[in-house]
Amino acid sequence: MKYELVRNADVHVTEHRNQRNHKVAQIMVDGRYEHTFEATSRVSRALETMTAYDLQERFKGGTYFFVEGVLVDFRDAHYNGFIQDDASIASLVRVVGIKYRHDISTHLHDNLTSRSFVLGCSWDASQFTIADIGDDGKFENELLFGWSPFNKDVSSAFMLKQISTGNSIRGMSSFLRKRIPLVNRWEEHLDIACKQLQVRIDSEVKRRFAKMRTERASVQELLLISEHAKTRIDKGTAIHGSAAEVRLRRIHHTANPIIHTNKIYKESVFTDMRLAAQRKGHLSVFDAYTLASEIRTHTAEVEGSSQLALDRFANDLIFNHHDLTQYGARFEAVKPAVFKDTESAFFGKTKD
């Protein structure tokens, strides 16, 4: 792919209105590259408090990275941090790469200007099995590396995928991610880092999944899942009558603790989130993870229910789960995961 890092750029900024009559900022870099920022971006929002000329003075002399003529990342003239030299960028493109977003399983940076490209690649994948889950117990850990013209280290990320269902989440736990400094022998250092990370990730995920099957999800966590499903039903475009709607309605019903525990808890448990966090729900933590990853993988995000929010939720269930239900438990016995497979989770038990 064709790329260019424009340093000490000459920038012209103009103010426009989008179709909803919201202010948007448009920049012209070195008279060659044009980019219009979304109305919700911090750049366009700055036009509420400053003029286009003021913004232009801030942007002049900045550094801008383009891929196929598209602005991917930038730093304005006030930035005094690290910037890769041209030789290092060429090496990063050669070793780690640039991908179209649709050719890679996840984005690797949350703050890039364009979502069309990813500065990074999928490096390797390993598989592991949770024996107690049967056919649904096979998982794949895909390790990815990403880079930036404005960071001296290569960053890592991972996608956790359940092979039988295709359900996947983006790993976001900080202790399972790593920044890898590269000085020489880049491929060798990335291979070493990859092996170390995969062993660590596989071990920790296996340990937690085994435990999650005997832990109860809280009423609060199950309310959140059912609310995500309802939000995607209510706000999804062209969803009515689709397979996605059927899926979301079944998930909403399966997860909703109001339906399944209303005879056990008072109404206040479902309206006071402090109480909801301290009450055990009808599903295990692993069930909750399965439902959240199903929504994330197989339905489209909408306002109020983003993939990032579901990734964070699923990661918290695995890596940062705090069991507050010990302070207000009504289910005394610890039960295994209610649903051992996707069919029983979403369609219920059926008679032969």
Protein backbone atom coordinates (compact mmCIF):
# COMPACT_ATOMS: atom_id res chain seq x y z
CA MET A 1 0.00 0.00 0.00
CA LYS A 2 1.08 3.54 -0.67
CA TYR A 3 1.73 5.55 2.49
CA GLU A 4 3.33 8.85 3.44
CA LEU A 5 4.25 10.64 6.67
CA VAL A 6 4.02 14.38 6.06
CA ARG A 7 6.15 16.34 8.52
CA ASN A 8 5.99 20.06 9.27
CA ALA A 9 2.90 20.18 7.07
CA ASP A 10 1.27 23.22 5.56
CA VAL A 11 -2.39 22.93 6.58
CA HIS A 12 -5.46 24.89 5.52
CA VAL A 13 -8.63 24.49 7.66
CA THR A 14 -12.17 25.37 6.58
CA GLU A 15 -15.50 25.08 8.39
CA HIS A 16 -18.50 23.38 6.77
CA ARG A 17 -21.90 21.97 7.72
CA ASN A 18 -22.88 18.34 7.29
CA GLN A 19 -26.32 17.05 6.26
CA ARG A 20 -27.57 17.47 9.83
CA ASN A 21 -26.32 21.06 9.90
CA HIS A 22 -23.54 20.21 12.37
CA LYS A 23 -20.19 21.94 12.11
CA VAL A 24 -17.38 19.86 10.57
CA ALA A 25 -13.74 20.76 10.03
CA GLN A 26 -12.05 20.08 6.71
CA ILE A 27 -8.28 20.20 6.29
CA MET A 28 -6.04 20.36 3.23
CA VAL A 29 -2.51 19.09 3.93
CA ASP A 30 0.32 20.33 1.71
CA GLY A 31 -2.23 21.12 -0.97
CA ARG A 32 -2.48 17.38 -1.78
CA TYR A 33 -4.45 15.56 0.89
CA GLU A 34 -7.98 16.49 1.95
CA HIS A 35 -9.79 15.15 4.99
CA THR A 36 -13.15 16.01 6.58
CA PHE A 37 -13.52 15.19 10.27
CA GLU A 38 -16.78 13.76 11.58
CA ALA A 39 -19.02 16.15 13.49
CA THR A 40 -18.48 14.13 16.67
CA SER A 41 -14.66 14.28 16.44
CA ARG A 42 -12.72 16.45 18.86
CA VAL A 43 -11.42 18.47 15.91
CA SER A 44 -14.87 19.42 14.60
CA ARG A 45 -16.17 19.98 18.13
CA ALA A 46 -13.35 22.48 18.63
CA LEU A 47 -15.12 24.76 16.15
CA GLU A 48 -17.71 25.45 18.86
CA THR A 49 -15.10 27.40 20.84
CA MET A 50 -12.56 28.54 18.24
CA THR A 51 -12.48 29.76 14.65
CA ALA A 52 -11.24 27.77 11.66
CA TYR A 53 -8.26 30.14 11.51
CA ASP A 54 -7.35 29.41 15.16
CA LEU A 55 -7.60 25.70 14.44
CA GLN A 56 -5.47 26.13 11.35
CA GLU A 57 -2.71 27.81 13.36
CA ARG A 58 -2.68 24.81 15.67
CA PHE A 59 -2.55 22.31 12.81
CA LYS A 60 0.16 24.06 10.77
CA GLY A 61 3.53 22.40 11.24
CA GLY A 62 1.98 19.15 12.46
CA THR A 63 2.70 15.58 11.34
CA TYR A 64 0.17 13.59 9.30
CA PHE A 65 0.20 9.92 8.26
CA PHE A 66 -1.69 8.94 5.11
CA VAL A 67 -2.41 5.50 3.61
CA GLU A 68 -3.75 5.41 0.05
CA GLY A 69 -4.50 9.12 0.38
CA VAL A 70 -6.58 8.62 3.55
CA LEU A 71 -5.62 10.33 6.82
CA VAL A 72 -4.99 7.56 9.36
CA ASP A 73 -3.29 9.35 12.25
CA PHE A 74 -1.82 12.75 13.03
CA ARG A 75 -0.33 15.02 15.67
CA ASP A 76 -0.75 18.79 15.59
CA ALA A 77 2.06 21.35 15.92
CA HIS A 78 1.88 21.31 19.74
CA TYR A 79 2.99 17.67 19.86
CA ASN A 80 6.52 17.21 21.19
CA GLY A 81 6.55 13.43 21.54
CA PHE A 82 8.13 10.55 19.65
CA ILE A 83 7.88 10.22 15.85
CA GLN A 84 9.28 7.28 13.90
CA ASP A 85 11.90 8.06 11.25
CA ASP A 86 11.25 7.08 7.63
CA ALA A 87 13.51 4.01 7.77
CA SER A 88 11.73 2.66 10.86
CA ILE A 89 8.31 3.22 9.29
CA ALA A 90 9.43 1.33 6.19
CA SER A 91 10.57 -1.56 8.40
CA LEU A 92 7.30 -1.54 10.37
CA VAL A 93 5.29 -1.64 7.14
CA ARG A 94 7.44 -4.54 5.89
CA VAL A 95 7.45 -6.59 9.12
CA VAL A 96 4.11 -5.79 10.78
CA GLY A 97 2.23 -4.30 7.86
CA ILE A 98 -0.86 -2.27 7.00
CA LYS A 99 -4.18 -4.02 6.44
CA TYR A 100 -7.61 -3.07 5.24
CA ARG A 101 -9.93 -3.18 8.23
CA HIS A 102 -12.10 -5.90 6.68
CA ASP A 103 -9.04 -8.15 6.28
CA ILE A 104 -8.25 -8.32 10.00
CA SER A 105 -10.29 -9.53 12.97
CA THR A 106 -10.13 -6.34 15.04
CA HIS A 107 -8.87 -2.79 15.04
CA LEU A 108 -5.70 -2.31 17.07
CA HIS A 109 -5.96 1.38 17.95
CA ASP A 110 -9.06 3.12 19.30
CA ASN A 111 -8.11 6.67 18.32
CA LEU A 112 -7.18 6.50 14.64
CA THR A 113 -8.75 9.05 12.30
CA SER A 114 -9.77 6.42 9.72
CA ARG A 115 -11.41 3.05 10.30
CA SER A 116 -10.55 1.88 6.80
CA PHE A 117 -7.02 0.74 7.64
CA VAL A 118 -5.25 -1.04 10.48
CA LEU A 119 -1.57 -0.47 11.21
CA GLY A 120 -0.76 -4.04 12.14
CA CYS A 121 -1.39 -7.69 11.40
CA SER A 122 -2.42 -11.04 12.78
CA TRP A 123 0.87 -12.67 13.80
CA ASP A 124 -0.10 -16.14 15.00
CA ALA A 125 -2.93 -18.21 16.52
CA SER A 126 -3.00 -21.03 19.05
CA GLN A 127 -5.81 -23.30 20.22
CA PHE A 128 -6.74 -24.72 23.60
CA THR A 129 -9.58 -26.86 24.94
CA ILE A 130 -11.80 -26.64 28.03
CA ALA A 131 -12.58 -30.33 28.48
CA ASP A 132 -15.76 -29.96 30.57
CA ILE A 133 -17.62 -28.04 27.84
CA GLY A 134 -17.46 -30.75 25.18
CA ASP A 135 -17.55 -29.70 21.52
CA ASP A 136 -18.05 -26.05 22.50
CA GLY A 137 -14.85 -26.13 24.56
CA LYS A 138 -12.41 -25.46 21.71
CA PHE A 139 -11.06 -21.92 21.61
CA GLU A 140 -8.59 -20.02 19.46
CA ASN A 141 -6.33 -17.25 20.71
CA GLU A 142 -5.29 -15.02 17.82
CA LEU A 143 -2.39 -12.69 18.63
CA LEU A 144 -2.06 -9.42 16.72
CA PHE A 145 0.64 -6.76 16.64
CA GLY A 146 0.04 -3.09 15.92
CA TRP A 147 2.22 -0.04 15.45
CA SER A 148 2.00 3.74 15.18
CA PRO A 149 4.23 6.42 13.68
CA PHE A 150 3.96 8.12 17.07
CA ASN A 151 4.96 5.23 19.33
CA LYS A 152 8.38 3.65 19.58
CA ASP A 153 7.02 0.25 20.65
CA VAL A 154 4.92 -2.37 18.90
CA SER A 155 1.71 -3.12 20.81
CA SER A 156 -0.06 -6.46 21.13
CA ALA A 157 -3.73 -7.43 21.20
CA PHE A 158 -5.58 -10.73 21.06
CA MET A 159 -8.89 -12.06 19.83
CA LEU A 160 -10.48 -14.92 21.75
CA LYS A 161 -12.72 -17.07 19.57
CA GLN A 162 -14.98 -20.02 20.39
CA ILE A 163 -14.46 -22.24 17.35
CA SER A 164 -17.82 -24.04 17.30
CA THR A 165 -19.93 -20.86 17.43
CA GLY A 166 -17.56 -18.25 16.01
CA ASN A 167 -18.24 -16.07 19.06
CA SER A 168 -15.27 -13.79 19.68
CA ILE A 169 -14.12 -10.89 21.83
CA ARG A 170 -11.16 -8.56 21.72
CA GLY A 171 -8.86 -9.11 24.70
CA MET A 172 -8.32 -5.86 26.57
CA SER A 173 -6.77 -6.93 29.87
CA SER A 174 -3.60 -4.90 30.40
CA PHE A 175 -1.60 -7.69 32.02
CA LEU A 176 -2.14 -9.89 28.94
CA ARG A 177 -1.05 -7.20 26.51
CA LYS A 178 2.45 -5.94 26.00
CA ARG A 179 4.46 -3.14 24.43
CA ILE A 180 7.47 -4.57 22.64
CA PRO A 181 10.52 -2.36 22.09
CA LEU A 182 12.27 -3.15 18.81
CA VAL A 183 15.91 -2.29 18.17
CA ASN A 184 17.08 -4.97 15.75
CA ARG A 185 16.09 -8.47 14.59
CA TRP A 186 12.47 -7.35 14.63
CA GLU A 187 10.88 -10.60 13.41
CA GLU A 188 12.80 -12.66 15.98
CA HIS A 189 11.81 -10.39 18.86
CA LEU A 190 8.15 -10.45 17.82
CA ASP A 191 8.19 -14.26 17.55
CA ILE A 192 9.60 -14.51 21.09
CA ALA A 193 7.03 -12.05 22.43
CA CYS A 194 4.27 -13.92 20.63
CA LYS A 195 5.13 -17.27 22.22
CA GLN A 196 5.38 -15.73 25.69
CA LEU A 197 2.04 -13.97 25.36
CA GLN A 198 0.19 -16.96 23.94
CA VAL A 199 1.29 -19.23 26.79
CA ARG A 200 0.20 -16.61 29.31
CA ILE A 201 -3.13 -15.91 27.66
CA ASP A 202 -4.03 -19.58 27.12
CA SER A 203 -3.18 -20.46 30.72
CA GLU A 204 -5.12 -17.58 32.27
CA VAL A 205 -8.19 -18.00 30.05
CA LYS A 206 -8.35 -21.76 30.69
CA ARG A 207 -8.13 -21.17 34.44
CA ARG A 208 -10.84 -18.52 34.44
CA PHE A 209 -13.23 -20.36 32.09
CA ALA A 210 -13.13 -23.42 34.34
CA LYS A 211 -13.99 -21.24 37.34
CA MET A 212 -16.59 -19.16 35.50
CA ARG A 213 -18.70 -22.26 34.93
CA THR A 214 -19.26 -22.58 38.69
CA GLU A 215 -19.64 -18.87 39.45
CA ARG A 216 -23.03 -17.14 39.37
CA ALA A 217 -23.43 -14.01 37.31
CA SER A 218 -25.01 -11.15 39.20
CA VAL A 219 -28.47 -9.80 38.45
CA GLN A 220 -26.79 -6.56 37.38
CA GLU A 221 -24.60 -8.33 34.81
CA LEU A 222 -27.57 -10.20 33.34
CA LEU A 223 -29.63 -7.01 33.20
CA LEU A 224 -26.83 -5.40 31.22
CA ILE A 225 -26.77 -8.24 28.67
CA SER A 226 -30.53 -8.17 28.18
CA GLU A 227 -30.41 -4.37 27.82
CA HIS A 228 -27.73 -4.63 25.10
CA ALA A 229 -29.95 -7.08 23.20
CA LYS A 230 -33.02 -4.84 23.58
CA THR A 231 -31.09 -1.73 22.48
CA ARG A 232 -29.92 -3.46 19.31
CA ILE A 233 -33.47 -4.58 18.56
CA ASP A 234 -34.89 -1.10 19.11
CA LYS A 235 -32.21 0.87 17.27
CA GLY A 236 -30.93 -1.55 14.64
CA THR A 237 -31.49 -0.64 11.00
CA ALA A 238 -33.27 -3.17 8.74
CA ILE A 239 -33.34 -5.61 11.65
CA HIS A 240 -37.06 -6.30 11.95
CA GLY A 241 -37.96 -9.75 10.71
CA SER A 242 -34.31 -10.70 10.31
CA ALA A 243 -32.36 -13.61 11.80
CA ALA A 244 -30.49 -11.06 13.92
CA GLU A 245 -33.74 -9.92 15.52
CA VAL A 246 -34.71 -13.51 16.33
CA ARG A 247 -31.30 -14.07 17.87
CA LEU A 248 -31.44 -10.90 19.94
CA ARG A 249 -34.95 -11.59 21.22
CA ARG A 250 -33.92 -15.06 22.39
CA ILE A 251 -30.81 -13.66 24.07
CA HIS A 252 -32.88 -10.95 25.73
CA HIS A 253 -35.31 -13.55 27.08
CA THR A 254 -32.55 -15.94 28.15
CA ALA A 255 -30.54 -13.31 30.02
CA ASN A 256 -33.34 -11.22 31.54
CA PRO A 257 -33.34 -11.85 35.32
CA ILE A 258 -36.67 -10.06 35.71
CA ILE A 259 -38.32 -12.92 33.81
CA HIS A 260 -36.47 -15.71 35.59
CA THR A 261 -36.03 -14.46 39.17
CA ASN A 262 -38.99 -12.13 39.78
CA LYS A 263 -40.50 -14.66 42.21
CA ILE A 264 -37.29 -14.73 44.21
CA TYR A 265 -36.33 -11.06 44.44
CA LYS A 266 -38.26 -7.90 45.22
CA GLU A 267 -38.68 -5.32 42.47
CA SER A 268 -36.07 -3.08 44.11
CA VAL A 269 -33.35 -5.59 43.15
CA PHE A 270 -34.05 -4.91 39.47
CA THR A 271 -34.10 -1.12 39.82
CA ASP A 272 -31.29 -0.50 42.32
CA MET A 273 -28.01 -1.48 40.65
CA ARG A 274 -26.22 -1.69 43.99
CA LEU A 275 -28.62 -4.38 45.09
CA ALA A 276 -28.54 -6.03 41.65
CA ALA A 277 -24.74 -6.33 41.86
CA GLN A 278 -25.11 -8.23 45.16
CA ARG A 279 -27.70 -10.76 44.03
CA LYS A 280 -26.95 -13.97 42.19
CA GLY A 281 -28.67 -14.42 38.84
CA HIS A 282 -30.03 -17.53 37.20
CA LEU A 283 -27.04 -18.06 34.87
CA SER A 284 -23.36 -18.72 35.41
CA VAL A 285 -20.63 -16.20 34.59
CA PHE A 286 -19.64 -18.40 31.65
CA ASP A 287 -23.23 -18.28 30.35
CA ALA A 288 -23.12 -14.49 30.63
CA TYR A 289 -19.84 -14.39 28.72
CA THR A 290 -21.29 -16.64 25.97
CA LEU A 291 -24.34 -14.43 25.52
CA ALA A 292 -22.31 -11.21 25.48
CA SER A 293 -19.86 -12.58 22.91
CA GLU A 294 -22.78 -13.83 20.80
CA ILE A 295 -24.28 -10.33 20.65
CA ARG A 296 -20.89 -8.81 19.90
CA THR A 297 -20.04 -11.22 17.11
CA HIS A 298 -23.28 -11.79 15.25
CA THR A 299 -25.21 -8.51 15.49
CA ALA A 300 -24.42 -4.94 14.49
CA GLU A 301 -23.56 -2.26 17.00
CA VAL A 302 -25.87 0.71 17.50
CA GLU A 303 -25.86 3.86 19.56
CA GLY A 304 -25.94 2.74 23.18
CA SER A 305 -24.56 -0.74 22.43
CA SER A 306 -21.08 -0.72 20.91
CA GLN A 307 -18.71 -3.61 20.25
CA LEU A 308 -16.18 -1.86 22.50
CA ALA A 309 -18.63 -1.84 25.41
CA LEU A 310 -19.31 -5.56 24.97
CA ASP A 311 -15.58 -6.27 24.71
CA ARG A 312 -15.00 -4.45 27.98
CA PHE A 313 -17.87 -6.27 29.65
CA ALA A 314 -16.70 -9.70 28.48
CA ASN A 315 -13.12 -8.92 29.52
CA ASP A 316 -14.32 -7.91 32.97
CA LEU A 317 -16.16 -11.23 33.30
CA ILE A 318 -12.98 -13.13 32.48
CA PHE A 319 -10.15 -11.11 33.95
CA ASN A 320 -11.58 -8.60 36.44
CA HIS A 321 -14.67 -10.30 37.83
CA HIS A 322 -15.52 -9.22 41.37
CA ASP A 323 -18.12 -11.41 43.01
CA LEU A 324 -20.24 -9.07 45.13
CA THR A 325 -23.07 -11.58 45.41
CA GLN A 326 -21.49 -13.08 48.52
CA TYR A 327 -22.99 -10.12 50.38
CA GLY A 328 -26.55 -10.87 49.39
CA ALA A 329 -26.78 -14.39 47.95
CA ARG A 330 -30.12 -16.13 47.70
CA PHE A 331 -28.84 -19.13 45.69
CA GLU A 332 -26.83 -21.12 48.20
CA ALA A 333 -25.70 -24.01 46.00
CA VAL A 334 -23.12 -23.38 43.32
CA LYS A 335 -24.36 -24.75 40.01
CA PRO A 336 -22.43 -25.39 36.81
CA ALA A 337 -23.10 -23.46 33.62
CA VAL A 338 -26.77 -23.80 32.79
CA PHE A 339 -26.17 -24.02 29.06
CA LYS A 340 -23.48 -26.37 27.80
CA ASP A 341 -24.14 -25.51 24.18
CA THR A 342 -25.53 -22.71 22.08
CA GLU A 343 -28.65 -24.61 21.07
CA SER A 344 -29.90 -25.00 24.64
CA ALA A 345 -28.88 -21.43 25.47
CA PHE A 346 -30.90 -19.77 22.73
CA PHE A 347 -33.61 -22.26 21.81
CA GLY A 348 -34.27 -23.99 25.12
CA LYS A 349 -34.58 -27.69 25.81
CA THR A 350 -36.45 -29.63 23.17
CA LYS A 351 -37.94 -33.08 23.26
CA ASP A 352 -36.99 -35.65 20.68
